[in-house]
Each structure stands twice: as C-alpha cells, then as structure tokens.
Amino acid sequence: MQSEKNPFSMILGKMIVTKEGKRLGFVKDITFETNSGELINLVVKDTTSYTKNLNLERTPSKEVLIPYSAIIAIGDFVIISEEDLL
C-alpha cells in the first residue's frame, strides 16, 4: 500500500496544534537537508504565547522551529507530539 503524500502547498498555512489541542501557530515553511531531501523542521509563523513557553529552537531571524519528527498527523491541522519537543 502506498503511503499518502502531502505536497508542500497542502501543508503551507495549516495550523499547528499539539495532540492535546494547544495551538502553536501556522506552517510558514519547511527546512530540509538538500543532499538527502530529509525534512528537518517546520518554520512557524504567528506563534501563540504558549509556544514561547516551550523553549524551541529558533532561526537566526528568531522564527520558531518545530522538528519534523514531532509530527503525528497532517490533515486539517498539523498535529504534533509535545513530548517530542522537550
């Protein structure tokens, strides 16, 4: 069975929430390793105050990064595991 794929345009702008329902912001961009194509991080825009409490990695321009490995599911929202952020 082929796994379902989400083109970048379908992920861009989606709200990012934890599996507990806490809102973190919206997908602005995705970073990836250019040699392997491995997805590394989601770049978050319009972060919420809750996001500031998580002590996440940031870009040099202070944009919040969420590890791609923390994603549980992508549908109407991008759902992440907060435990994988710590």
Protein backbone atom coordinates (compact mmCIF):
# COMPACT_ATOMS: atom_id res chain seq x y z
CA MET A 1 0.00 0.00 0.00
CA GLN A 2 1.39 3.39 -0.97
CA SER A 3 1.67 5.96 1.82
CA GLU A 4 -0.33 9.15 1.44
CA LYS A 5 1.80 12.13 0.44
CA ASN A 6 1.15 15.78 1.21
CA PRO A 7 2.57 18.30 -1.24
CA PHE A 8 4.19 21.35 0.33
CA SER A 9 1.35 23.58 -0.87
CA MET A 10 -1.13 21.48 1.14
CA ILE A 11 0.86 21.90 4.37
CA LEU A 12 1.72 25.59 4.00
CA GLY A 13 -0.52 27.77 6.18
CA LYS A 14 -2.02 24.91 8.22
CA MET A 15 -2.49 25.47 11.93
CA ILE A 16 -0.08 23.54 14.15
CA VAL A 17 -1.60 22.05 17.30
CA THR A 18 -0.43 19.62 19.95
CA LYS A 19 -2.28 16.33 20.35
CA GLU A 20 -3.78 17.91 23.50
CA GLY A 21 -5.25 20.70 21.33
CA LYS A 22 -2.92 23.58 22.24
CA ARG A 23 -2.35 25.93 19.30
CA LEU A 24 1.24 26.77 18.39
CA GLY A 25 0.93 28.78 15.17
CA PHE A 26 0.86 28.17 11.42
CA VAL A 27 3.26 26.50 8.97
CA LYS A 28 5.32 29.17 7.23
CA ASP A 29 7.97 26.97 5.63
CA ILE A 30 9.79 23.65 5.86
CA THR A 31 13.54 23.17 6.17
CA PHE A 32 15.22 20.12 4.67
CA GLU A 33 18.62 18.57 4.01
CA THR A 34 19.43 19.39 0.39
CA ASN A 35 21.55 16.28 -0.26
CA SER A 36 19.12 13.67 1.05
CA GLY A 37 15.82 15.55 0.88
CA GLU A 38 15.17 14.67 4.54
CA LEU A 39 12.67 17.04 6.17
CA ILE A 40 14.16 18.71 9.24
CA ASN A 41 11.86 21.40 10.71
CA LEU A 42 8.62 23.28 10.29
CA VAL A 43 9.09 27.04 10.41
CA VAL A 44 6.23 28.59 12.40
CA LYS A 45 4.53 31.93 11.82
CA ASP A 46 2.04 33.74 14.05
CA THR A 47 3.21 31.87 17.14
CA THR A 48 0.99 31.80 20.21
CA SER A 49 2.05 32.73 23.72
CA TYR A 50 2.04 29.01 24.59
CA THR A 51 4.78 28.42 22.00
CA LYS A 52 7.08 30.86 23.80
CA ASN A 53 6.98 28.63 26.90
CA LEU A 54 8.29 25.57 25.01
CA ASN A 55 11.90 26.78 24.55
CA LEU A 56 12.03 25.68 20.91
CA GLU A 57 14.95 26.16 18.55
CA ARG A 58 14.89 29.39 16.52
CA THR A 59 16.35 30.60 13.25
CA PRO A 60 18.86 33.47 13.23
CA SER A 61 15.89 35.73 12.40
CA LYS A 62 14.08 34.45 15.56
CA GLU A 63 11.50 32.27 13.76
CA VAL A 64 10.36 29.24 15.78
CA LEU A 65 11.31 25.77 14.51
CA ILE A 66 9.42 22.56 15.26
CA PRO A 67 11.23 19.28 14.50
CA TYR A 68 9.57 17.41 11.67
CA SER A 69 9.97 14.21 13.73
CA ALA A 70 7.41 15.60 16.23
CA ILE A 71 4.59 15.45 13.64
CA ILE A 72 1.96 12.82 14.41
CA ALA A 73 -0.52 13.57 11.62
CA ILE A 74 -1.32 16.04 8.87
CA GLY A 75 -4.95 16.69 7.99
CA ASP A 76 -6.98 19.82 8.60
CA PHE A 77 -4.26 20.64 11.14
CA VAL A 78 -0.63 19.62 11.63
CA ILE A 79 -0.73 17.65 14.89
CA ILE A 80 2.48 17.33 16.86
CA SER A 81 3.55 15.46 19.98
CA GLU A 82 4.57 17.94 22.66
CA GLU A 83 6.66 15.21 24.35
CA ASP A 84 8.87 15.08 21.24
CA LEU A 85 9.63 18.80 21.61
CA LEU A 86 11.24 18.54 25.04
